[in-house]
Amino acid sequence: MRVTQDSIKVLLIIGSVLAGVGAVITIIEIAGQQHVDARDFIGPIVVIVVTVLIFIMVGLIHVRKAQIPLNAWLLIIFVVLEIVLSGEALLSLVGIGIIVEIVATTMLAMLEN
């Protein structure tokens, strides 16, 4: 498979959608518990915020005043934040989305060199 900007954007969108949907499901599960702690919401909210930032970066969401460049280093920072703060299992929906984002970040780093 040839590494192009379009294939990287598609992988980023797929990974972000998977992670975002998994985060929403996690928020719904946490809200349904009997004893809810505010610290439980930090991981899924960070995943949703990073998903929105990646959508802005790819160009799926157009924001008038903010432009985030499609840069490998910036994407590495976003993905590391997701990994550290989400606390999700590897084979959960969020984990699989983050793995796809890692693959897209690696492809973007290869393309920039």
PDB file of N, CA and C in Angstrom:
ATOM      1  N   MET A   1       0.836  -1.167   0.000  1.00  0.00           N
ATOM      2  CA  MET A   1       0.000   0.000   0.000  1.00  0.00           C
ATOM      3  C   MET A   1       0.886   1.237   0.000  1.00  0.00           C
ATOM      4  N   ARG A   2       0.569   2.137  -0.839  1.00  0.00           N
ATOM      5  CA  ARG A   2       1.342   3.365  -0.951  1.00  0.00           C
ATOM      6  C   ARG A   2       0.840   4.378   0.081  1.00  0.00           C
ATOM      7  N   VAL A   3       1.772   5.018   0.742  1.00  0.00           N
ATOM      8  CA  VAL A   3       1.434   6.000   1.770  1.00  0.00           C
ATOM      9  C   VAL A   3       1.172   7.342   1.099  1.00  0.00           C
ATOM     10  N   THR A   4      -0.057   7.815   1.206  1.00  0.00           N
ATOM     11  CA  THR A   4      -0.426   9.117   0.670  1.00  0.00           C
ATOM     12  C   THR A   4      -1.145   9.911   1.750  1.00  0.00           C
ATOM     13  N   GLN A   5      -1.316  11.202   1.517  1.00  0.00           N
ATOM     14  CA  GLN A   5      -2.048  12.048   2.464  1.00  0.00           C
ATOM     15  C   GLN A   5      -3.471  11.550   2.631  1.00  0.00           C
ATOM     16  N   ASP A   6      -4.086  11.093   1.532  1.00  0.00           N
ATOM     17  CA  ASP A   6      -5.478  10.657   1.607  1.00  0.00           C
ATOM     18  C   ASP A   6      -5.631   9.392   2.445  1.00  0.00           C
ATOM     19  N   SER A   7      -4.725   8.431   2.289  1.00  0.00           N
ATOM     20  CA  SER A   7      -4.827   7.207   3.085  1.00  0.00           C
ATOM     21  C   SER A   7      -4.579   7.493   4.567  1.00  0.00           C
ATOM     22  N   ILE A   8      -3.701   8.438   4.861  1.00  0.00           N
ATOM     23  CA  ILE A   8      -3.455   8.822   6.250  1.00  0.00           C
ATOM     24  C   ILE A   8      -4.694   9.497   6.831  1.00  0.00           C
ATOM     25  N   LYS A   9      -5.325  10.370   6.065  1.00  0.00           N
ATOM     26  CA  LYS A   9      -6.535  11.042   6.547  1.00  0.00           C
ATOM     27  C   LYS A   9      -7.664  10.052   6.787  1.00  0.00           C
ATOM     28  N   VAL A  10      -7.800   9.066   5.915  1.00  0.00           N
ATOM     29  CA  VAL A  10      -8.840   8.048   6.090  1.00  0.00           C
ATOM     30  C   VAL A  10      -8.586   7.240   7.359  1.00  0.00           C
ATOM     31  N   LEU A  11      -7.341   6.831   7.590  1.00  0.00           N
ATOM     32  CA  LEU A  11      -7.023   6.089   8.811  1.00  0.00           C
ATOM     33  C   LEU A  11      -7.246   6.937  10.051  1.00  0.00           C
ATOM     34  N   LEU A  12      -6.898   8.205   9.999  1.00  0.00           N
ATOM     35  CA  LEU A  12      -7.135   9.090  11.140  1.00  0.00           C
ATOM     36  C   LEU A  12      -8.626   9.247  11.424  1.00  0.00           C
ATOM     37  N   ILE A  13      -9.414   9.381  10.388  1.00  0.00           N
ATOM     38  CA  ILE A  13     -10.862   9.512  10.570  1.00  0.00           C
ATOM     39  C   ILE A  13     -11.448   8.231  11.154  1.00  0.00           C
ATOM     40  N   ILE A  14     -11.044   7.077  10.632  1.00  0.00           N
ATOM     41  CA  ILE A  14     -11.548   5.797  11.142  1.00  0.00           C
ATOM     42  C   ILE A  14     -11.155   5.611  12.607  1.00  0.00           C
ATOM     43  N   GLY A  15      -9.885   5.876  12.933  1.00  0.00           N
ATOM     44  CA  GLY A  15      -9.430   5.726  14.312  1.00  0.00           C
ATOM     45  C   GLY A  15     -10.120   6.692  15.251  1.00  0.00           C
ATOM     46  N   SER A  16     -10.319   7.923  14.813  1.00  0.00           N
ATOM     47  CA  SER A  16     -10.976   8.919  15.659  1.00  0.00           C
ATOM     48  C   SER A  16     -12.442   8.587  15.888  1.00  0.00           C
ATOM     49  N   VAL A  17     -13.113   8.117  14.854  1.00  0.00           N
ATOM     50  CA  VAL A  17     -14.515   7.729  15.011  1.00  0.00           C
ATOM     51  C   VAL A  17     -14.640   6.549  15.976  1.00  0.00           C
ATOM     52  N   LEU A  18     -13.778   5.546  15.823  1.00  0.00           N
ATOM     53  CA  LEU A  18     -13.808   4.409  16.738  1.00  0.00           C
ATOM     54  C   LEU A  18     -13.545   4.836  18.179  1.00  0.00           C
ATOM     55  N   ALA A  19     -12.534   5.671  18.375  1.00  0.00           N
ATOM     56  CA  ALA A  19     -12.211   6.125  19.726  1.00  0.00           C
ATOM     57  C   ALA A  19     -13.322   7.006  20.296  1.00  0.00           C
ATOM     58  N   GLY A  20     -13.887   7.867  19.475  1.00  0.00           N
ATOM     59  CA  GLY A  20     -14.969   8.738  19.943  1.00  0.00           C
ATOM     60  C   GLY A  20     -16.219   7.978  20.322  1.00  0.00           C
ATOM     61  N   VAL A  21     -16.603   7.007  19.496  1.00  0.00           N
ATOM     62  CA  VAL A  21     -17.777   6.192  19.809  1.00  0.00           C
ATOM     63  C   VAL A  21     -17.540   5.368  21.080  1.00  0.00           C
ATOM     64  N   GLY A  22     -16.336   4.823  21.204  1.00  0.00           N
ATOM     65  CA  GLY A  22     -16.008   4.074  22.414  1.00  0.00           C
ATOM     66  C   GLY A  22     -16.028   4.957  23.651  1.00  0.00           C
ATOM     67  N   ALA A  23     -15.582   6.206  23.520  1.00  0.00           N
ATOM     68  CA  ALA A  23     -15.609   7.129  24.657  1.00  0.00           C
ATOM     69  C   ALA A  23     -17.033   7.492  25.052  1.00  0.00           C
ATOM     70  N   VAL A  24     -17.898   7.681  24.077  1.00  0.00           N
ATOM     71  CA  VAL A  24     -19.301   7.973  24.380  1.00  0.00           C
ATOM     72  C   VAL A  24     -19.948   6.779  25.074  1.00  0.00           C
ATOM     73  N   ILE A  25     -19.656   5.572  24.616  1.00  0.00           N
ATOM     74  CA  ILE A  25     -20.183   4.366  25.266  1.00  0.00           C
ATOM     75  C   ILE A  25     -19.665   4.262  26.695  1.00  0.00           C
ATOM     76  N   THR A  26     -18.396   4.593  26.907  1.00  0.00           N
ATOM     77  CA  THR A  26     -17.818   4.568  28.247  1.00  0.00           C
ATOM     78  C   THR A  26     -18.488   5.592  29.158  1.00  0.00           C
ATOM     79  N   ILE A  27     -18.765   6.787  28.641  1.00  0.00           N
ATOM     80  CA  ILE A  27     -19.461   7.804  29.436  1.00  0.00           C
ATOM     81  C   ILE A  27     -20.853   7.334  29.821  1.00  0.00           C
ATOM     82  N   ILE A  28     -21.549   6.691  28.901  1.00  0.00           N
ATOM     83  CA  ILE A  28     -22.887   6.179  29.198  1.00  0.00           C
ATOM     84  C   ILE A  28     -22.814   5.087  30.261  1.00  0.00           C
ATOM     85  N   GLU A  29     -21.817   4.208  30.177  1.00  0.00           N
ATOM     86  CA  GLU A  29     -21.661   3.160  31.186  1.00  0.00           C
ATOM     87  C   GLU A  29     -21.334   3.746  32.558  1.00  0.00           C
ATOM     88  N   ILE A  30     -20.476   4.745  32.596  1.00  0.00           N
ATOM     89  CA  ILE A  30     -20.103   5.367  33.872  1.00  0.00           C
ATOM     90  C   ILE A  30     -21.298   6.090  34.476  1.00  0.00           C
ATOM     91  N   ALA A  31     -22.082   6.782  33.639  1.00  0.00           N
ATOM     92  CA  ALA A  31     -23.234   7.524  34.149  1.00  0.00           C
ATOM     93  C   ALA A  31     -24.318   6.589  34.676  1.00  0.00           C
ATOM     94  N   GLY A  32     -24.338   5.359  34.210  1.00  0.00           N
ATOM     95  CA  GLY A  32     -25.340   4.405  34.666  1.00  0.00           C
ATOM     96  C   GLY A  32     -24.992   3.711  35.966  1.00  0.00           C
ATOM     97  N   GLN A  33     -23.794   3.934  36.475  1.00  0.00           N
ATOM     98  CA  GLN A  33     -23.401   3.303  37.731  1.00  0.00           C
ATOM     99  C   GLN A  33     -24.061   4.009  38.903  1.00  0.00           C
ATOM    100  N   GLN A  34     -24.060   3.309  40.047  1.00  0.00           N
ATOM    101  CA  GLN A  34     -24.702   3.870  41.219  1.00  0.00           C
ATOM    102  C   GLN A  34     -23.838   4.936  41.900  1.00  0.00           C
ATOM    103  N   HIS A  35     -22.554   4.686  42.003  1.00  0.00           N
ATOM    104  CA  HIS A  35     -21.636   5.646  42.622  1.00  0.00           C
ATOM    105  C   HIS A  35     -20.735   6.224  41.527  1.00  0.00           C
ATOM    106  N   VAL A  36     -21.047   7.431  41.105  1.00  0.00           N
ATOM    107  CA  VAL A  36     -20.319   8.072  40.015  1.00  0.00           C
ATOM    108  C   VAL A  36     -19.280   9.022  40.603  1.00  0.00           C
ATOM    109  N   ASP A  37     -18.051   8.911  40.108  1.00  0.00           N
ATOM    110  CA  ASP A  37     -16.981   9.804  40.516  1.00  0.00           C
ATOM    111  C   ASP A  37     -16.590  10.667  39.316  1.00  0.00           C
ATOM    112  N   ALA A  38     -16.309  11.923  39.564  1.00  0.00           N
ATOM    113  CA  ALA A  38     -15.988  12.845  38.469  1.00  0.00           C
ATOM    114  C   ALA A  38     -14.687  12.471  37.772  1.00  0.00           C
ATOM    115  N   ARG A  39     -13.765  11.805  38.484  1.00  0.00           N
ATOM    116  CA  ARG A  39     -12.490  11.421  37.886  1.00  0.00           C
ATOM    117  C   ARG A  39     -12.663  10.352  36.809  1.00  0.00           C
ATOM    118  N   ASP A  40     -13.762   9.633  36.850  1.00  0.00           N
ATOM    119  CA  ASP A  40     -14.003   8.594  35.840  1.00  0.00           C
ATOM    120  C   ASP A  40     -14.304   9.185  34.465  1.00  0.00           C
ATOM    121  N   PHE A  41     -14.739  10.438  34.431  1.00  0.00           N
ATOM    122  CA  PHE A  41     -15.095  11.069  33.170  1.00  0.00           C
ATOM    123  C   PHE A  41     -13.913  11.721  32.460  1.00  0.00           C
ATOM    124  N   ILE A  42     -12.770  11.839  33.117  1.00  0.00           N
ATOM    125  CA  ILE A  42     -11.635  12.560  32.535  1.00  0.00           C
ATOM    126  C   ILE A  42     -11.134  11.871  31.267  1.00  0.00           C
ATOM    127  N   GLY A  43     -10.908  10.562  31.312  1.00  0.00           N
ATOM    128  CA  GLY A  43     -10.386   9.829  30.159  1.00  0.00           C
ATOM    129  C   GLY A  43     -11.265   9.919  28.925  1.00  0.00           C
ATOM    130  N   PRO A  44     -12.562   9.593  29.045  1.00  0.00           N
ATOM    131  CA  PRO A  44     -13.423   9.699  27.856  1.00  0.00           C
ATOM    132  C   PRO A  44     -13.562  11.114  27.317  1.00  0.00           C
ATOM    133  N   ILE A  45     -13.565  12.113  28.199  1.00  0.00           N
ATOM    134  CA  ILE A  45     -13.681  13.492  27.724  1.00  0.00           C
ATOM    135  C   ILE A  45     -12.423  13.903  26.967  1.00  0.00           C
ATOM    136  N   VAL A  46     -11.250  13.471  27.448  1.00  0.00           N
ATOM    137  CA  VAL A  46     -10.003  13.768  26.725  1.00  0.00           C
ATOM    138  C   VAL A  46     -10.019  13.111  25.353  1.00  0.00           C
ATOM    139  N   VAL A  47     -10.512  11.878  25.271  1.00  0.00           N
ATOM    140  CA  VAL A  47     -10.590  11.182  23.977  1.00  0.00           C
ATOM    141  C   VAL A  47     -11.524  11.928  23.029  1.00  0.00           C
ATOM    142  N   ILE A  48     -12.644  12.422  23.514  1.00  0.00           N
ATOM    143  CA  ILE A  48     -13.574  13.159  22.657  1.00  0.00           C
ATOM    144  C   ILE A  48     -12.962  14.478  22.198  1.00  0.00           C
ATOM    145  N   VAL A  49     -12.263  15.182  23.090  1.00  0.00           N
ATOM    146  CA  VAL A  49     -11.625  16.453  22.707  1.00  0.00           C
ATOM    147  C   VAL A  49     -10.537  16.215  21.661  1.00  0.00           C
ATOM    148  N   VAL A  50      -9.720  15.177  21.848  1.00  0.00           N
ATOM    149  CA  VAL A  50      -8.668  14.874  20.869  1.00  0.00           C
ATOM    150  C   VAL A  50      -9.287  14.435  19.542  1.00  0.00           C
ATOM    151  N   THR A  51     -10.410  13.734  19.593  1.00  0.00           N
ATOM    152  CA  THR A  51     -11.112  13.346  18.368  1.00  0.00           C
ATOM    153  C   THR A  51     -11.559  14.587  17.595  1.00  0.00           C
ATOM    154  N   VAL A  52     -12.108  15.572  18.294  1.00  0.00           N
ATOM    155  CA  VAL A  52     -12.526  16.808  17.633  1.00  0.00           C
ATOM    156  C   VAL A  52     -11.313  17.550  17.067  1.00  0.00           C
ATOM    157  N   LEU A  53     -10.205  17.577  17.816  1.00  0.00           N
ATOM    158  CA  LEU A  53      -8.993  18.233  17.315  1.00  0.00           C
ATOM    159  C   LEU A  53      -8.451  17.534  16.064  1.00  0.00           C
ATOM    160  N   ILE A  54      -8.518  16.210  16.032  1.00  0.00           N
ATOM    161  CA  ILE A  54      -8.076  15.478  14.842  1.00  0.00           C
ATOM    162  C   ILE A  54      -9.008  15.745  13.663  1.00  0.00           C
ATOM    163  N   PHE A  55     -10.317  15.853  13.922  1.00  0.00           N
ATOM    164  CA  PHE A  55     -11.251  16.194  12.848  1.00  0.00           C
ATOM    165  C   PHE A  55     -10.952  17.584  12.289  1.00  0.00           C
ATOM    166  N   ILE A  56     -10.578  18.533  13.152  1.00  0.00           N
ATOM    167  CA  ILE A  56     -10.193  19.863  12.676  1.00  0.00           C
ATOM    168  C   ILE A  56      -8.897  19.772  11.878  1.00  0.00           C
ATOM    169  N   MET A  57      -7.954  18.953  12.354  1.00  0.00           N
ATOM    170  CA  MET A  57      -6.669  18.798  11.691  1.00  0.00           C
ATOM    171  C   MET A  57      -6.823  18.206  10.292  1.00  0.00           C
ATOM    172  N   VAL A  58      -7.709  17.230  10.160  1.00  0.00           N
ATOM    173  CA  VAL A  58      -7.912  16.561   8.874  1.00  0.00           C
ATOM    174  C   VAL A  58      -8.719  17.440   7.918  1.00  0.00           C
ATOM    175  N   GLY A  59      -9.550  18.318   8.469  1.00  0.00           N
ATOM    176  CA  GLY A  59     -10.373  19.180   7.630  1.00  0.00           C
ATOM    177  C   GLY A  59     -11.810  18.738   7.572  1.00  0.00           C
ATOM    178  N   LEU A  60     -12.197  17.801   8.431  1.00  0.00           N
ATOM    179  CA  LEU A  60     -13.573  17.327   8.464  1.00  0.00           C
ATOM    180  C   LEU A  60     -14.487  18.349   9.131  1.00  0.00           C
ATOM    181  N   ILE A  61     -13.954  19.056  10.113  1.00  0.00           N
ATOM    182  CA  ILE A  61     -14.667  20.148  10.764  1.00  0.00           C
ATOM    183  C   ILE A  61     -13.925  21.435  10.405  1.00  0.00           C
ATOM    184  N   HIS A  62     -14.671  22.402   9.887  1.00  0.00           N
ATOM    185  CA  HIS A  62     -14.055  23.672   9.502  1.00  0.00           C
ATOM    186  C   HIS A  62     -14.310  24.693  10.599  1.00  0.00           C
ATOM    187  N   VAL A  63     -13.226  25.235  11.114  1.00  0.00           N
ATOM    188  CA  VAL A  63     -13.310  26.278  12.130  1.00  0.00           C
ATOM    189  C   VAL A  63     -12.717  27.538  11.523  1.00  0.00           C
ATOM    190  N   ARG A  64     -13.397  28.631  11.701  1.00  0.00           N
ATOM    191  CA  ARG A  64     -13.007  29.860  11.034  1.00  0.00           C
ATOM    192  C   ARG A  64     -11.679  30.417  11.543  1.00  0.00           C
ATOM    193  N   LYS A  65     -11.478  30.433  12.857  1.00  0.00           N
ATOM    194  CA  LYS A  65     -10.305  31.105  13.417  1.00  0.00           C
ATOM    195  C   LYS A  65      -9.132  30.177  13.693  1.00  0.00           C
ATOM    196  N   ALA A  66      -9.374  28.882  13.818  1.00  0.00           N
ATOM    197  CA  ALA A  66      -8.292  27.961  14.205  1.00  0.00           C
ATOM    198  C   ALA A  66      -7.944  27.045  13.042  1.00  0.00           C
ATOM    199  N   GLN A  67      -6.652  26.911  12.799  1.00  0.00           N
ATOM    200  CA  GLN A  67      -6.179  25.954  11.814  1.00  0.00           C
ATOM    201  C   GLN A  67      -5.066  25.144  12.452  1.00  0.00           C
ATOM    202  N   ILE A  68      -5.244  23.841  12.481  1.00  0.00           N
ATOM    203  CA  ILE A  68      -4.232  22.947  13.042  1.00  0.00           C
ATOM    204  C   ILE A  68      -3.597  22.216  11.865  1.00  0.00           C
ATOM    205  N   PRO A  69      -2.295  22.339  11.667  1.00  0.00           N
ATOM    206  CA  PRO A  69      -1.653  21.666  10.533  1.00  0.00           C
ATOM    207  C   PRO A  69      -1.576  20.153  10.746  1.00  0.00           C
ATOM    208  N   LEU A  70      -1.592  19.412   9.655  1.00  0.00           N
ATOM    209  CA  LEU A  70      -1.447  17.956   9.718  1.00  0.00           C
ATOM    210  C   LEU A  70       0.040  17.660   9.867  1.00  0.00           C
ATOM    211  N   ASN A  71       0.483  17.568  11.111  1.00  0.00           N
ATOM    212  CA  ASN A  71       1.887  17.425  11.436  1.00  0.00           C
ATOM    213  C   ASN A  71       2.069  16.167  12.282  1.00  0.00           C
ATOM    214  N   ALA A  72       3.118  15.403  12.017  1.00  0.00           N
ATOM    215  CA  ALA A  72       3.335  14.149  12.738  1.00  0.00           C
ATOM    216  C   ALA A  72       3.631  14.382  14.213  1.00  0.00           C
ATOM    217  N   TRP A  73       4.421  15.405  14.531  1.00  0.00           N
ATOM    218  CA  TRP A  73       4.764  15.654  15.940  1.00  0.00           C
ATOM    219  C   TRP A  73       3.556  16.077  16.747  1.00  0.00           C
ATOM    220  N   LEU A  74       2.707  16.900  16.180  1.00  0.00           N
ATOM    221  CA  LEU A  74       1.497  17.322  16.866  1.00  0.00           C
ATOM    222  C   LEU A  74       0.549  16.144  17.062  1.00  0.00           C
ATOM    223  N   LEU A  75       0.476  15.281  16.067  1.00  0.00           N
ATOM    224  CA  LEU A  75      -0.371  14.097  16.167  1.00  0.00           C
ATOM    225  C   LEU A  75       0.163  13.115  17.206  1.00  0.00           C
ATOM    226  N   ILE A  76       1.485  13.010  17.314  1.00  0.00           N
ATOM    227  CA  ILE A  76       2.078  12.149  18.342  1.00  0.00           C
ATOM    228  C   ILE A  76       1.689  12.645  19.731  1.00  0.00           C
ATOM    229  N   ILE A  77       1.711  13.954  19.929  1.00  0.00           N
ATOM    230  CA  ILE A  77       1.316  14.522  21.224  1.00  0.00           C
ATOM    231  C   ILE A  77      -0.146  14.199  21.526  1.00  0.00           C
ATOM    232  N   PHE A  78      -1.028  14.343  20.541  1.00  0.00           N
ATOM    233  CA  PHE A  78      -2.443  14.044  20.743  1.00  0.00           C
ATOM    234  C   PHE A  78      -2.651  12.569  21.091  1.00  0.00           C
ATOM    235  N   VAL A  79      -1.990  11.681  20.367  1.00  0.00           N
ATOM    236  CA  VAL A  79      -2.170  10.244  20.593  1.00  0.00           C
ATOM    237  C   VAL A  79      -1.595   9.826  21.950  1.00  0.00           C
ATOM    238  N   VAL A  80      -0.460  10.394  22.338  1.00  0.00           N
ATOM    239  CA  VAL A  80       0.106  10.071  23.653  1.00  0.00           C
ATOM    240  C   VAL A  80      -0.822  10.554  24.763  1.00  0.00           C
ATOM    241  N   LEU A  81      -1.428  11.727  24.595  1.00  0.00           N
ATOM    242  CA  LEU A  81      -2.413  12.200  25.566  1.00  0.00           C
ATOM    243  C   LEU A  81      -3.587  11.240  25.671  1.00  0.00           C
ATOM    244  N   GLU A  82      -4.052  10.744  24.536  1.00  0.00           N
ATOM    245  CA  GLU A  82      -5.146   9.775  24.554  1.00  0.00           C
ATOM    246  C   GLU A  82      -4.749   8.501  25.272  1.00  0.00           C
ATOM    247  N   ILE A  83      -3.559   8.008  24.994  1.00  0.00           N
ATOM    248  CA  ILE A  83      -3.112   6.754  25.598  1.00  0.00           C
ATOM    249  C   ILE A  83      -2.977   6.901  27.106  1.00  0.00           C
ATOM    250  N   VAL A  84      -2.321   7.969  27.536  1.00  0.00           N
ATOM    251  CA  VAL A  84      -2.037   8.138  28.962  1.00  0.00           C
ATOM    252  C   VAL A  84      -3.299   8.438  29.756  1.00  0.00           C
ATOM    253  N   LEU A  85      -4.155   9.314  29.254  1.00  0.00           N
ATOM    254  CA  LEU A  85      -5.285   9.768  30.040  1.00  0.00           C
ATOM    255  C   LEU A  85      -6.550   8.934  29.868  1.00  0.00           C
ATOM    256  N   SER A  86      -6.635   8.129  28.821  1.00  0.00           N
ATOM    257  CA  SER A  86      -7.872   7.362  28.637  1.00  0.00           C
ATOM    258  C   SER A  86      -7.947   6.179  29.589  1.00  0.00           C
ATOM    259  N   GLY A  87      -6.849   5.463  29.759  1.00  0.00           N
ATOM    260  CA  GLY A  87      -6.859   4.319  30.658  1.00  0.00           C
ATOM    261  C   GLY A  87      -7.713   3.163  30.156  1.00  0.00           C
ATOM    262  N   GLU A  88      -7.901   3.063  28.878  1.00  0.00           N
ATOM    263  CA  GLU A  88      -8.743   2.019  28.308  1.00  0.00           C
ATOM    264  C   GLU A  88      -7.943   0.753  28.041  1.00  0.00           C
ATOM    265  N   ALA A  89      -8.658  -0.337  27.923  1.00  0.00           N
ATOM    266  CA  ALA A  89      -8.027  -1.614  27.607  1.00  0.00           C
ATOM    267  C   ALA A  89      -7.629  -1.630  26.131  1.00  0.00           C
ATOM    268  N   LEU A  90      -6.685  -2.514  25.821  1.00  0.00           N
ATOM    269  CA  LEU A  90      -6.156  -2.571  24.458  1.00  0.00           C
ATOM    270  C   LEU A  90      -7.206  -3.050  23.462  1.00  0.00           C
ATOM    271  N   LEU A  91      -8.040  -3.982  23.859  1.00  0.00           N
ATOM    272  CA  LEU A  91      -9.013  -4.545  22.928  1.00  0.00           C
ATOM    273  C   LEU A  91     -10.408  -3.959  23.107  1.00  0.00           C
ATOM    274  N   SER A  92     -10.504  -2.772  23.669  1.00  0.00           N
ATOM    275  CA  SER A  92     -11.786  -2.087  23.712  1.00  0.00           C
ATOM    276  C   SER A  92     -11.943  -1.267  22.438  1.00  0.00           C
ATOM    277  N   LEU A  93     -13.097  -0.672  22.285  1.00  0.00           N
ATOM    278  CA  LEU A  93     -13.342   0.132  21.085  1.00  0.00           C
ATOM    279  C   LEU A  93     -12.422   1.346  21.045  1.00  0.00           C
ATOM    280  N   VAL A  94     -12.207   1.956  22.188  1.00  0.00           N
ATOM    281  CA  VAL A  94     -11.295   3.104  22.265  1.00  0.00           C
ATOM    282  C   VAL A  94      -9.866   2.650  21.978  1.00  0.00           C
ATOM    283  N   GLY A  95      -9.474   1.504  22.512  1.00  0.00           N
ATOM    284  CA  GLY A  95      -8.120   0.983  22.302  1.00  0.00           C
ATOM    285  C   GLY A  95      -7.837   0.677  20.843  1.00  0.00           C
ATOM    286  N   ILE A  96      -8.800   0.086  20.167  1.00  0.00           N
ATOM    287  CA  ILE A  96      -8.620  -0.220  18.745  1.00  0.00           C
ATOM    288  C   ILE A  96      -8.539   1.080  17.924  1.00  0.00           C
ATOM    289  N   GLY A  97      -9.349   2.079  18.282  1.00  0.00           N
ATOM    290  CA  GLY A  97      -9.275   3.371  17.601  1.00  0.00           C
ATOM    291  C   GLY A  97      -7.933   4.043  17.797  1.00  0.00           C
ATOM    292  N   ILE A  98      -7.378   3.942  19.013  1.00  0.00           N
ATOM    293  CA  ILE A  98      -6.072   4.532  19.283  1.00  0.00           C
ATOM    294  C   ILE A  98      -4.977   3.790  18.513  1.00  0.00           C
ATOM    295  N   ILE A  99      -5.096   2.475  18.389  1.00  0.00           N
ATOM    296  CA  ILE A  99      -4.123   1.704  17.610  1.00  0.00           C
ATOM    297  C   ILE A  99      -4.143   2.145  16.148  1.00  0.00           C
ATOM    298  N   VAL A 100      -5.325   2.362  15.585  1.00  0.00           N
ATOM    299  CA  VAL A 100      -5.429   2.833  14.195  1.00  0.00           C
ATOM    300  C   VAL A 100      -4.829   4.233  14.066  1.00  0.00           C
ATOM    301  N   GLU A 101      -5.028   5.080  15.079  1.00  0.00           N
ATOM    302  CA  GLU A 101      -4.416   6.408  15.048  1.00  0.00           C
ATOM    303  C   GLU A 101      -2.892   6.324  15.137  1.00  0.00           C
ATOM    304  N   ILE A 102      -2.371   5.366  15.894  1.00  0.00           N
ATOM    305  CA  ILE A 102      -0.919   5.165  15.965  1.00  0.00           C
ATOM    306  C   ILE A 102      -0.371   4.759  14.602  1.00  0.00           C
ATOM    307  N   VAL A 103      -1.084   3.880  13.910  1.00  0.00           N
ATOM    308  CA  VAL A 103      -0.655   3.464  12.567  1.00  0.00           C
ATOM    309  C   VAL A 103      -0.660   4.667  11.622  1.00  0.00           C
ATOM    310  N   ALA A 104      -1.704   5.499  11.689  1.00  0.00           N
ATOM    311  CA  ALA A 104      -1.748   6.676  10.825  1.00  0.00           C
ATOM    312  C   ALA A 104      -0.651   7.677  11.163  1.00  0.00           C
ATOM    313  N   THR A 105      -0.342   7.820  12.448  1.00  0.00           N
ATOM    314  CA  THR A 105       0.746   8.717  12.848  1.00  0.00           C
ATOM    315  C   THR A 105       2.082   8.221  12.338  1.00  0.00           C
ATOM    316  N   THR A 106       2.297   6.927  12.413  1.00  0.00           N
ATOM    317  CA  THR A 106       3.545   6.336  11.879  1.00  0.00           C
ATOM    318  C   THR A 106       3.643   6.550  10.376  1.00  0.00           C
ATOM    319  N   MET A 107       2.533   6.389   9.676  1.00  0.00           N
ATOM    320  CA  MET A 107       2.542   6.607   8.232  1.00  0.00           C
ATOM    321  C   MET A 107       2.825   8.075   7.904  1.00  0.00           C
ATOM    322  N   LEU A 108       2.269   8.991   8.691  1.00  0.00           N
ATOM    323  CA  LEU A 108       2.522  10.402   8.459  1.00  0.00           C
ATOM    324  C   LEU A 108       3.982  10.752   8.723  1.00  0.00           C
ATOM    325  N   ALA A 109       4.569  10.149   9.760  1.00  0.00           N
ATOM    326  CA  ALA A 109       5.984  10.401  10.029  1.00  0.00           C
ATOM    327  C   ALA A 109       6.852   9.859   8.897  1.00  0.00           C
ATOM    328  N   MET A 110       6.475   8.710   8.322  1.00  0.00           N
ATOM    329  CA  MET A 110       7.215   8.163   7.178  1.00  0.00           C
ATOM    330  C   MET A 110       7.099   9.075   5.958  1.00  0.00           C
ATOM    331  N   LEU A 111       5.923   9.652   5.768  1.00  0.00           N
ATOM    332  CA  LEU A 111       5.707  10.502   4.611  1.00  0.00           C
ATOM    333  C   LEU A 111       6.463  11.826   4.716  1.00  0.00           C
ATOM    334  N   GLU A 112       6.637  12.322   5.942  1.00  0.00           N
ATOM    335  CA  GLU A 112       7.323  13.600   6.122  1.00  0.00           C
ATOM    336  C   GLU A 112       8.839  13.465   5.932  1.00  0.00           C
ATOM    337  N   ASN A 113       9.389  12.292   6.139  1.00  0.00           N
ATOM    338  CA  ASN A 113      10.851  12.114   5.957  1.00  0.00           C
ATOM    339  C   ASN A 113      11.229  11.974   4.526  1.00  0.00           C
TER     340      ASN A 113
END
